[in-house]
Amino acid sequence: MDRPSPVIIAILRALSKEQLRSFDKFMHSPYHVTHEGVLQWYEWLKNHLHEEVWDKKAMQEAIFTQKEKNEPRRIYHLNNYLLEALENFLALEDWLGRKHEQHAATIAALRDLKLAEESAAMLRYARKRLNASPQRGSAWHRAEYLLQQEAYHGSLQQGRAKSFNAQELSDAQDLAFICEKLRTGCLLLSHEAVANQTYDKGLLDSVLNSLKGHRYLEIPVVAAYYHGYYSQAGGDDSAGHFTRLKAILEKHAPRFSMSETHDLYLIAINFCIRRINQREERFFQEVFDLYQSGLRYGALLEGGTLSRWTYNNVTVAGLRLKAFEQVWQFLHEYAPLLPREHREGALHFNLAKYHYELGELPAAMQHLLLIGYDDVLQNLVAKTMLCKIYYELDETDSLENQLDSIQIYLRRQKVLGYHRDNYLAIVRFFRKLLKVNWNNRSEIAALREEILAAPVLTEREWLLKQVEL
């Protein structure tokens, strides 16, 4: 390879300004970087990072001696050394974020050096720090297990048989394992629903059965995953498990890691969405409450960014509850947190929904016309909203043109699955609305029954309102 590695370029471009500054310090440390020429190669790449095409001759003149220009594999080796440095840096940055595990590793290192007093002092310090931490999620229980393990090895090394912490070590190991196993179980259950695939869950059933009535369910993170799993599983008491999960999140969410809180909120939110899809209207309030508290804790943000799909879902739930003031405030308060490339489109799309629900049809239409569509389904939702507006404004010609546009669009999209059937059905029923004899009650009743019988129809409720007898 006689050019910069695309993997290196991708990583460097993805680093934040703060991370790049840290990596600069890392690269200038002879402890971390020992290969000659790697720092110079990195500096050149950093200065040309956002170029799409590199001048090979200029690159060689900038970083190679005359002798090195005759070594065709020189850049290949520099790429390998630099990539290794980047990988080590990323691993170190992650490690530096896990203080309790660092403490356990330091204790082990001191013990290996036969420094018993120093190791014991470090253990006391680490224990104090861990107990002072407000976090009580899976990572806390893993750290507790590591410290109990170090305490055991320290006692063993010093021959203090009577002070062995065997029971504490066993309990800590159980809890660390249970937390991770339940979390993975929730993940597998979620993937089964999406991928229509069954997984072998290993010891999960044994763990779940052993927890029934066990004192470990008094520990918030264990209880959260336990009730989260059963709320996903869909049994007779799934709603009861959801209620308990929601109560735990309301009380203990700040005590879990952000990634755990994110996962647990998604479990609760997805439960509500399934019930909403089963036409259980009360879950609109439940999911709206969850979205609000999840946003308040930052659990629904990823790297400080709000997904446009979450933005859409909060709007839908709020409008369904007619919480118009809250929706208006949410749309403008959280728009700056949307990805830059989707920000304007998502704001106009949801403002169109907002104005439509208020009956402000011209305003809704103006927002729809300002959207640049880059998602197939969002495009179809917006086109359908325009159809509803045209129908309600009695603009028949515009409606006919829009229906033709949807049919052409559906013909061009190859991968839509059941969504194609849904939107073709919507187009078909709009055309029937235009043709039905409104003086013939039996014809209207027949159309109503046809709408009710349609297997897939996202606009069923709106269509039924149009044919009320």
Protein backbone atom coordinates (compact mmCIF):
# COMPACT_ATOMS: atom_id res chain seq x y z
CA MET A 1 0.00 0.00 0.00
CA ASP A 2 1.50 3.34 -1.07
CA ARG A 3 -1.25 5.56 0.29
CA PRO A 4 -2.82 6.36 3.69
CA SER A 5 -4.87 3.55 5.20
CA PRO A 6 -8.62 4.26 4.79
CA VAL A 7 -9.18 2.76 8.27
CA ILE A 8 -6.75 5.25 9.83
CA ILE A 9 -8.36 8.14 7.97
CA ALA A 10 -11.85 7.06 9.09
CA ILE A 11 -10.79 6.83 12.75
CA LEU A 12 -8.94 10.16 12.76
CA ARG A 13 -11.89 11.91 11.15
CA ALA A 14 -14.25 10.41 13.72
CA LEU A 15 -12.25 11.65 16.72
CA SER A 16 -13.47 14.78 18.46
CA LYS A 17 -11.20 17.80 18.80
CA GLU A 18 -10.55 16.87 22.42
CA GLN A 19 -9.70 13.28 21.47
CA LEU A 20 -7.34 14.49 18.74
CA ARG A 21 -5.54 16.66 21.27
CA SER A 22 -5.17 13.65 23.56
CA PHE A 23 -3.93 11.52 20.68
CA ASP A 24 -1.33 14.19 19.86
CA LYS A 25 0.06 13.79 23.39
CA PHE A 26 -0.08 10.02 23.04
CA MET A 27 1.87 10.11 19.76
CA HIS A 28 4.57 12.37 21.24
CA SER A 29 5.23 9.90 24.07
CA PRO A 30 8.24 7.60 23.41
CA TYR A 31 6.64 5.11 25.82
CA HIS A 32 3.74 4.59 23.40
CA VAL A 33 5.40 5.25 20.02
CA THR A 34 8.80 3.69 19.38
CA HIS A 35 8.86 3.17 15.61
CA GLU A 36 10.89 5.70 13.68
CA GLY A 37 8.93 7.82 11.24
CA VAL A 38 5.44 7.07 12.63
CA LEU A 39 5.05 10.45 14.34
CA GLN A 40 6.09 12.23 11.14
CA TRP A 41 3.62 10.14 9.14
CA TYR A 42 0.84 10.99 11.61
CA GLU A 43 1.63 14.73 11.49
CA TRP A 44 1.46 14.71 7.70
CA LEU A 45 -1.85 12.83 7.69
CA LYS A 46 -3.33 15.18 10.31
CA ASN A 47 -2.51 18.20 8.15
CA HIS A 48 -4.08 16.58 5.07
CA LEU A 49 -6.89 14.74 6.87
CA HIS A 50 -9.84 16.16 4.95
CA GLU A 51 -8.37 15.86 1.49
CA GLU A 52 -10.00 13.26 -0.75
CA VAL A 53 -7.00 12.80 -3.08
CA TRP A 54 -3.37 12.73 -1.95
CA ASP A 55 -0.45 13.92 -4.04
CA LYS A 56 1.81 10.87 -3.86
CA LYS A 57 4.96 12.76 -4.87
CA ALA A 58 4.39 15.58 -2.36
CA MET A 59 3.64 13.01 0.34
CA GLN A 60 6.91 11.16 -0.27
CA GLU A 61 8.96 14.35 -0.35
CA ALA A 62 7.45 15.51 2.92
CA ILE A 63 8.09 12.40 4.99
CA PHE A 64 10.74 10.21 3.33
CA THR A 65 14.47 10.51 2.90
CA GLN A 66 15.94 9.83 -0.54
CA LYS A 67 16.84 6.30 0.55
CA GLU A 68 13.35 5.57 1.86
CA LYS A 69 11.75 6.53 -1.46
CA ASN A 70 13.21 3.36 -2.89
CA GLU A 71 11.47 1.24 -0.25
CA PRO A 72 8.00 0.56 -1.73
CA ARG A 73 6.64 -1.04 1.49
CA ARG A 74 7.63 1.87 3.73
CA ILE A 75 4.12 3.43 3.77
CA TYR A 76 2.61 -0.02 4.33
CA HIS A 77 4.70 -0.45 7.49
CA LEU A 78 4.03 3.09 8.72
CA ASN A 79 0.29 2.52 8.28
CA ASN A 80 0.51 -0.65 10.38
CA TYR A 81 2.47 1.05 13.16
CA LEU A 82 0.14 4.07 13.19
CA LEU A 83 -2.97 1.88 13.21
CA GLU A 84 -1.53 -0.05 16.15
CA ALA A 85 -0.93 3.24 17.98
CA LEU A 86 -4.52 4.35 17.28
CA GLU A 87 -5.93 1.05 18.54
CA ASN A 88 -3.84 1.27 21.71
CA PHE A 89 -4.97 4.86 22.26
CA LEU A 90 -8.67 3.99 21.89
CA ALA A 91 -8.30 1.05 24.28
CA LEU A 92 -6.47 3.25 26.79
CA GLU A 93 -9.15 5.96 26.57
CA ASP A 94 -11.80 3.36 27.30
CA TRP A 95 -9.74 1.93 30.17
CA LEU A 96 -9.24 5.37 31.71
CA GLY A 97 -13.02 5.70 31.91
CA ARG A 98 -13.27 2.62 34.17
CA LYS A 99 -11.62 3.80 37.38
CA HIS A 100 -12.82 0.95 39.60
CA GLU A 101 -11.37 -1.69 37.27
CA GLN A 102 -8.12 0.28 37.19
CA HIS A 103 -7.98 0.15 40.97
CA ALA A 104 -8.44 -3.63 40.93
CA ALA A 105 -5.64 -3.98 38.38
CA THR A 106 -3.34 -1.79 40.51
CA ILE A 107 -4.06 -3.91 43.58
CA ALA A 108 -3.21 -7.06 41.61
CA ALA A 109 0.02 -5.51 40.34
CA LEU A 110 1.09 -4.50 43.86
CA ARG A 111 0.29 -7.99 45.10
CA ASP A 112 2.40 -9.51 42.32
CA LEU A 113 5.27 -7.31 43.50
CA LYS A 114 4.83 -8.84 46.99
CA LEU A 115 3.93 -5.40 48.40
CA ALA A 116 1.25 -6.64 50.80
CA GLU A 117 0.81 -3.45 52.83
CA GLU A 118 0.64 -1.24 49.75
CA SER A 119 -1.80 -3.64 48.10
CA ALA A 120 -4.02 -3.66 51.21
CA ALA A 121 -3.95 0.15 51.39
CA MET A 122 -4.94 0.41 47.75
CA LEU A 123 -7.76 -2.06 48.37
CA ARG A 124 -9.11 0.11 51.22
CA TYR A 125 -8.94 3.19 49.00
CA ALA A 126 -10.66 1.40 46.09
CA ARG A 127 -13.38 0.08 48.40
CA LYS A 128 -14.02 3.59 49.72
CA ARG A 129 -14.24 5.00 46.20
CA LEU A 130 -16.57 2.24 45.01
CA ASN A 131 -18.92 2.58 47.98
CA ALA A 132 -19.03 6.37 47.49
CA SER A 133 -20.06 6.01 43.86
CA PRO A 134 -23.73 6.87 43.18
CA GLN A 135 -23.75 4.25 40.40
CA ARG A 136 -25.23 0.84 41.17
CA GLY A 137 -25.51 -0.71 37.73
CA SER A 138 -23.90 -3.78 36.16
CA ALA A 139 -20.46 -2.13 36.04
CA TRP A 140 -20.60 -1.43 39.80
CA HIS A 141 -21.35 -5.06 40.58
CA ARG A 142 -18.55 -6.21 38.29
CA ALA A 143 -16.14 -3.87 40.09
CA GLU A 144 -17.40 -5.16 43.45
CA TYR A 145 -16.63 -8.71 42.32
CA LEU A 146 -13.10 -7.74 41.20
CA LEU A 147 -12.37 -6.08 44.55
CA GLN A 148 -13.74 -9.04 46.49
CA GLN A 149 -11.51 -11.26 44.37
CA GLU A 150 -8.46 -9.12 45.19
CA ALA A 151 -9.37 -9.18 48.88
CA TYR A 152 -9.53 -12.97 48.76
CA HIS A 153 -6.16 -13.29 46.99
CA GLY A 154 -4.61 -10.81 49.43
CA SER A 155 -5.78 -12.83 52.42
CA LEU A 156 -4.59 -16.04 50.75
CA GLN A 157 -1.15 -14.57 50.08
CA GLN A 158 -0.80 -13.48 53.69
CA GLY A 159 -2.07 -16.79 55.07
CA ARG A 160 -4.98 -15.23 56.99
CA ALA A 161 -7.39 -18.18 56.56
CA LYS A 162 -9.88 -16.93 59.14
CA SER A 163 -10.41 -13.62 57.36
CA PHE A 164 -11.29 -15.10 53.96
CA ASN A 165 -14.23 -13.28 52.37
CA ALA A 166 -15.54 -16.43 50.68
CA GLN A 167 -19.25 -15.62 51.09
CA GLU A 168 -18.86 -12.01 49.95
CA LEU A 169 -16.84 -13.16 46.95
CA SER A 170 -19.49 -15.71 45.98
CA ASP A 171 -22.33 -13.19 46.30
CA ALA A 172 -20.47 -10.55 44.31
CA GLN A 173 -19.68 -13.07 41.57
CA ASP A 174 -23.34 -14.14 41.42
CA LEU A 175 -24.55 -10.56 41.08
CA ALA A 176 -21.98 -9.62 38.43
CA PHE A 177 -22.96 -12.68 36.38
CA ILE A 178 -26.71 -12.25 36.91
CA CYS A 179 -26.64 -8.60 35.80
CA GLU A 180 -24.80 -9.42 32.58
CA LYS A 181 -26.86 -12.55 31.87
CA LEU A 182 -30.17 -10.73 32.32
CA ARG A 183 -28.96 -7.86 30.14
CA THR A 184 -27.94 -10.30 27.39
CA GLY A 185 -31.25 -12.14 27.80
CA CYS A 186 -33.16 -8.91 27.13
CA LEU A 187 -30.97 -8.31 24.07
CA LEU A 188 -31.64 -11.82 22.69
CA LEU A 189 -35.37 -11.48 23.27
CA SER A 190 -35.38 -8.16 21.42
CA HIS A 191 -33.46 -9.65 18.48
CA GLU A 192 -35.83 -12.62 18.32
CA ALA A 193 -38.76 -10.27 17.81
CA VAL A 194 -36.99 -8.31 15.07
CA ALA A 195 -35.20 -11.13 13.23
CA ASN A 196 -37.88 -13.82 13.74
CA GLN A 197 -35.15 -16.12 15.03
CA THR A 198 -34.89 -18.26 18.15
CA TYR A 199 -31.69 -18.24 20.22
CA ASP A 200 -30.34 -20.76 22.70
CA LYS A 201 -30.25 -18.66 25.86
CA GLY A 202 -27.94 -20.96 27.79
CA LEU A 203 -28.32 -20.60 31.56
CA LEU A 204 -30.82 -17.76 31.34
CA ASP A 205 -33.90 -19.81 32.31
CA SER A 206 -32.06 -21.16 35.35
CA VAL A 207 -31.11 -17.62 36.38
CA LEU A 208 -34.67 -16.36 35.95
CA ASN A 209 -36.15 -19.25 37.91
CA SER A 210 -33.61 -18.85 40.73
CA LEU A 211 -34.52 -15.16 41.10
CA LYS A 212 -38.22 -15.71 41.81
CA GLY A 213 -38.71 -14.51 45.38
CA HIS A 214 -34.95 -14.09 45.88
CA ARG A 215 -33.49 -11.20 47.87
CA TYR A 216 -31.45 -10.22 44.78
CA LEU A 217 -34.65 -8.77 43.30
CA GLU A 218 -34.37 -6.03 45.91
CA ILE A 219 -31.32 -4.76 44.00
CA PRO A 220 -32.59 -2.17 41.45
CA VAL A 221 -30.48 -3.15 38.43
CA VAL A 222 -31.28 -6.86 38.86
CA ALA A 223 -34.99 -6.10 39.26
CA ALA A 224 -34.94 -3.75 36.26
CA TYR A 225 -33.57 -6.37 33.87
CA TYR A 226 -35.70 -9.12 35.43
CA HIS A 227 -38.95 -7.20 34.93
CA GLY A 228 -37.68 -5.87 31.60
CA TYR A 229 -37.20 -9.41 30.35
CA TYR A 230 -40.66 -10.58 31.38
CA SER A 231 -42.33 -7.46 30.00
CA GLN A 232 -40.74 -8.32 26.63
CA ALA A 233 -41.60 -12.01 26.89
CA GLY A 234 -45.32 -11.29 26.52
CA GLY A 235 -46.74 -13.52 29.27
CA ASP A 236 -49.98 -13.02 31.17
CA ASP A 237 -48.33 -10.65 33.66
CA SER A 238 -46.23 -8.72 31.13
CA ALA A 239 -48.14 -5.51 31.94
CA GLY A 240 -47.40 -6.00 35.65
CA HIS A 241 -43.70 -6.45 34.91
CA PHE A 242 -43.79 -3.31 32.74
CA THR A 243 -45.34 -1.32 35.60
CA ARG A 244 -42.59 -2.46 37.97
CA LEU A 245 -39.89 -1.67 35.38
CA LYS A 246 -41.30 1.82 34.88
CA ALA A 247 -41.36 2.42 38.64
CA ILE A 248 -37.71 1.35 38.92
CA LEU A 249 -36.72 3.70 36.11
CA GLU A 250 -38.56 6.62 37.70
CA LYS A 251 -36.78 6.05 41.02
CA HIS A 252 -33.37 4.61 40.12
CA ALA A 253 -32.46 5.62 36.54
CA PRO A 254 -29.65 7.99 37.69
CA ARG A 255 -27.97 5.03 39.46
CA PHE A 256 -27.46 3.07 36.24
CA SER A 257 -24.90 3.72 33.52
CA MET A 258 -26.13 5.75 30.56
CA SER A 259 -25.96 2.75 28.22
CA GLU A 260 -27.98 0.65 30.70
CA THR A 261 -30.55 3.40 31.19
CA HIS A 262 -30.84 3.70 27.40
CA ASP A 263 -31.44 -0.06 27.01
CA LEU A 264 -33.99 -0.21 29.84
CA TYR A 265 -35.95 2.78 28.52
CA LEU A 266 -36.07 1.18 25.07
CA ILE A 267 -37.42 -2.04 26.59
CA ALA A 268 -40.19 -0.09 28.34
CA ILE A 269 -40.93 2.08 25.29
CA ASN A 270 -41.08 -0.91 22.93
CA PHE A 271 -43.53 -2.63 25.29
CA CYS A 272 -45.82 0.41 25.04
CA ILE A 273 -45.50 0.53 21.25
CA ARG A 274 -46.53 -3.13 21.00
CA ARG A 275 -49.61 -2.43 23.15
CA ILE A 276 -50.43 0.67 21.12
CA ASN A 277 -50.25 -1.46 17.96
CA GLN A 278 -52.80 -3.74 19.65
CA ARG A 279 -55.04 -0.65 20.00
CA GLU A 280 -54.62 -0.21 23.73
CA GLU A 281 -54.95 3.57 23.80
CA ARG A 282 -53.89 4.06 27.45
CA PHE A 283 -50.31 3.25 26.51
CA PHE A 284 -49.98 6.52 24.59
CA GLN A 285 -49.81 8.27 27.97
CA GLU A 286 -47.39 5.66 29.31
CA VAL A 287 -45.01 5.99 26.37
CA PHE A 288 -45.21 9.79 26.39
CA ASP A 289 -44.25 9.80 30.09
CA LEU A 290 -41.35 7.46 29.35
CA TYR A 291 -40.08 9.61 26.50
CA GLN A 292 -40.18 12.70 28.71
CA SER A 293 -38.31 11.13 31.62
CA GLY A 294 -35.87 9.37 29.27
CA LEU A 295 -35.04 12.69 27.62
CA ARG A 296 -34.71 14.36 31.02
CA TYR A 297 -32.08 11.79 32.07
CA GLY A 298 -30.37 11.94 28.66
CA ALA A 299 -31.03 8.23 28.21
CA LEU A 300 -32.52 8.64 24.73
CA LEU A 301 -29.57 10.62 23.40
CA GLU A 302 -26.62 8.97 21.70
CA GLY A 303 -23.44 10.99 21.93
CA GLY A 304 -25.55 14.06 22.69
CA THR A 305 -27.64 13.52 19.55
CA LEU A 306 -31.36 12.75 19.36
CA SER A 307 -32.50 10.29 16.71
CA ARG A 308 -35.04 11.75 14.29
CA TRP A 309 -37.15 8.58 14.80
CA THR A 310 -37.36 9.26 18.54
CA TYR A 311 -38.18 12.89 17.70
CA ASN A 312 -41.02 11.67 15.45
CA ASN A 313 -42.34 9.17 18.02
CA VAL A 314 -42.48 11.70 20.85
CA THR A 315 -44.45 14.03 18.58
CA VAL A 316 -46.92 11.30 17.59
CA ALA A 317 -47.56 10.30 21.22
CA GLY A 318 -47.94 13.91 22.38
CA LEU A 319 -50.33 14.84 19.58
CA ARG A 320 -52.40 11.74 20.22
CA LEU A 321 -52.82 12.95 23.81
CA LYS A 322 -53.55 16.48 22.54
CA ALA A 323 -50.64 17.78 24.63
CA PHE A 324 -50.13 20.57 22.11
CA GLU A 325 -48.17 22.99 24.30
CA GLN A 326 -45.76 20.26 25.39
CA VAL A 327 -45.29 19.10 21.79
CA TRP A 328 -44.61 22.65 20.56
CA GLN A 329 -42.03 23.17 23.29
CA PHE A 330 -40.45 19.76 22.64
CA LEU A 331 -40.17 20.31 18.88
CA HIS A 332 -38.23 23.55 19.27
CA GLU A 333 -36.23 22.62 22.39
CA TYR A 334 -34.88 19.37 20.97
CA ALA A 335 -34.50 20.28 17.28
CA PRO A 336 -30.89 21.51 17.87
CA LEU A 337 -30.00 18.01 19.14
CA LEU A 338 -31.03 16.31 15.89
CA PRO A 339 -28.30 15.24 13.42
CA ARG A 340 -27.44 18.28 11.34
CA GLU A 341 -28.30 16.58 8.04
CA HIS A 342 -31.84 15.68 9.24
CA ARG A 343 -32.57 18.65 11.48
CA GLU A 344 -34.53 20.92 9.14
CA GLY A 345 -36.48 18.10 7.51
CA ALA A 346 -37.48 16.51 10.82
CA LEU A 347 -38.59 19.84 12.26
CA HIS A 348 -40.80 20.67 9.23
CA PHE A 349 -42.17 17.11 9.10
CA ASN A 350 -43.29 17.21 12.73
CA LEU A 351 -44.52 20.81 12.60
CA ALA A 352 -46.71 19.69 9.69
CA LYS A 353 -48.19 17.00 11.94
CA TYR A 354 -48.65 19.54 14.73
CA HIS A 355 -50.54 22.02 12.56
CA TYR A 356 -52.57 19.26 10.94
CA GLU A 357 -53.80 18.00 14.33
CA LEU A 358 -54.80 21.56 15.23
CA GLY A 359 -56.78 21.78 12.00
CA GLU A 360 -54.41 24.41 10.58
CA LEU A 361 -54.26 22.76 7.18
CA PRO A 362 -52.59 25.53 5.08
CA ALA A 363 -49.81 25.84 7.67
CA ALA A 364 -49.34 22.06 7.69
CA MET A 365 -49.14 22.04 3.88
CA GLN A 366 -46.47 24.76 3.89
CA HIS A 367 -44.24 22.71 6.18
CA LEU A 368 -44.73 19.59 4.06
CA LEU A 369 -43.61 21.47 0.97
CA LEU A 370 -40.38 22.52 2.72
CA ILE A 371 -39.23 18.96 3.47
CA GLY A 372 -36.36 17.36 1.55
CA TYR A 373 -37.10 13.65 1.78
CA ASP A 374 -34.28 11.15 2.23
CA ASP A 375 -36.26 8.33 3.83
CA VAL A 376 -38.77 6.23 1.92
CA LEU A 377 -41.28 5.70 4.73
CA GLN A 378 -41.16 9.29 5.94
CA ASN A 379 -41.75 10.36 2.36
CA LEU A 380 -44.82 8.13 2.16
CA VAL A 381 -46.16 9.41 5.50
CA ALA A 382 -45.78 12.99 4.28
CA LYS A 383 -47.43 12.24 0.93
CA THR A 384 -50.33 10.60 2.76
CA MET A 385 -50.72 13.64 5.00
CA LEU A 386 -50.91 15.82 1.89
CA CYS A 387 -53.65 13.54 0.55
CA LYS A 388 -55.65 13.99 3.74
CA ILE A 389 -55.23 17.76 3.57
CA TYR A 390 -56.32 17.88 -0.10
CA TYR A 391 -59.33 15.69 0.70
CA GLU A 392 -60.37 17.83 3.67
CA LEU A 393 -59.95 21.02 1.60
CA ASP A 394 -61.95 19.41 -1.22
CA GLU A 395 -59.07 19.91 -3.67
CA THR A 396 -59.92 16.87 -5.79
CA ASP A 397 -57.53 17.48 -8.69
CA SER A 398 -54.55 17.94 -6.35
CA LEU A 399 -55.57 14.79 -4.49
CA GLU A 400 -55.77 12.74 -7.70
CA ASN A 401 -52.31 13.96 -8.72
CA GLN A 402 -50.88 13.08 -5.31
CA LEU A 403 -52.39 9.58 -5.41
CA ASP A 404 -50.84 9.04 -8.85
CA SER A 405 -47.52 10.25 -7.45
CA ILE A 406 -47.68 7.74 -4.59
CA GLN A 407 -48.43 4.85 -6.95
CA ILE A 408 -45.50 5.76 -9.19
CA TYR A 409 -43.24 6.13 -6.16
CA LEU A 410 -44.28 2.70 -4.83
CA ARG A 411 -43.60 1.13 -8.23
CA ARG A 412 -40.04 2.47 -8.16
CA GLN A 413 -39.23 1.31 -4.61
CA LYS A 414 -38.19 -2.33 -4.70
CA VAL A 415 -37.72 -3.11 -0.97
CA LEU A 416 -40.80 -2.11 1.03
CA GLY A 417 -42.35 -5.40 2.19
CA TYR A 418 -45.72 -4.98 3.90
CA HIS A 419 -45.37 -1.18 3.71
CA ARG A 420 -46.12 -1.41 -0.03
CA ASP A 421 -49.39 -3.23 0.70
CA ASN A 422 -50.30 -0.64 3.32
CA TYR A 423 -49.81 2.38 1.06
CA LEU A 424 -51.41 0.73 -1.96
CA ALA A 425 -54.44 0.08 0.27
CA ILE A 426 -54.45 3.73 1.39
CA VAL A 427 -54.40 4.89 -2.24
CA ARG A 428 -57.21 2.47 -3.09
CA PHE A 429 -59.44 3.68 -0.26
CA PHE A 430 -58.82 7.33 -1.11
CA ARG A 431 -60.01 6.64 -4.64
CA LYS A 432 -63.10 4.89 -3.26
CA LEU A 433 -63.83 7.90 -1.07
CA LEU A 434 -63.84 10.05 -4.21
CA LYS A 435 -66.26 7.71 -5.97
CA VAL A 436 -68.66 6.63 -3.23
CA ASN A 437 -72.30 7.74 -3.47
CA TRP A 438 -72.79 9.68 -0.24
CA ASN A 439 -76.57 9.39 -0.60
CA ASN A 440 -76.40 5.58 -0.53
CA ARG A 441 -76.05 4.41 3.10
CA SER A 442 -75.56 0.76 2.14
CA GLU A 443 -72.67 1.70 -0.18
CA ILE A 444 -71.06 3.75 2.60
CA ALA A 445 -71.57 0.89 5.08
CA ALA A 446 -69.96 -1.56 2.65
CA LEU A 447 -66.93 0.71 2.27
CA ARG A 448 -66.69 1.00 6.05
CA GLU A 449 -66.67 -2.79 6.41
CA GLU A 450 -63.99 -3.06 3.73
CA ILE A 451 -61.80 -0.55 5.63
CA LEU A 452 -62.31 -2.49 8.86
CA ALA A 453 -61.36 -5.77 7.17
CA ALA A 454 -58.16 -4.51 5.55
CA PRO A 455 -55.27 -6.53 7.09
CA VAL A 456 -52.68 -3.71 7.01
CA LEU A 457 -53.85 -0.10 7.12
CA THR A 458 -52.08 2.60 9.12
CA GLU A 459 -54.73 5.25 8.22
CA ARG A 460 -57.65 3.06 9.27
CA GLU A 461 -58.85 5.44 11.98
CA TRP A 462 -58.87 8.50 9.70
CA LEU A 463 -60.60 6.60 6.89
CA LEU A 464 -63.29 5.29 9.26
CA LYS A 465 -64.05 8.86 10.35
CA GLN A 466 -64.73 9.77 6.72
CA VAL A 467 -67.39 7.04 6.38
CA GLU A 468 -69.20 7.46 9.67
CA LEU A 469 -72.92 6.77 9.23
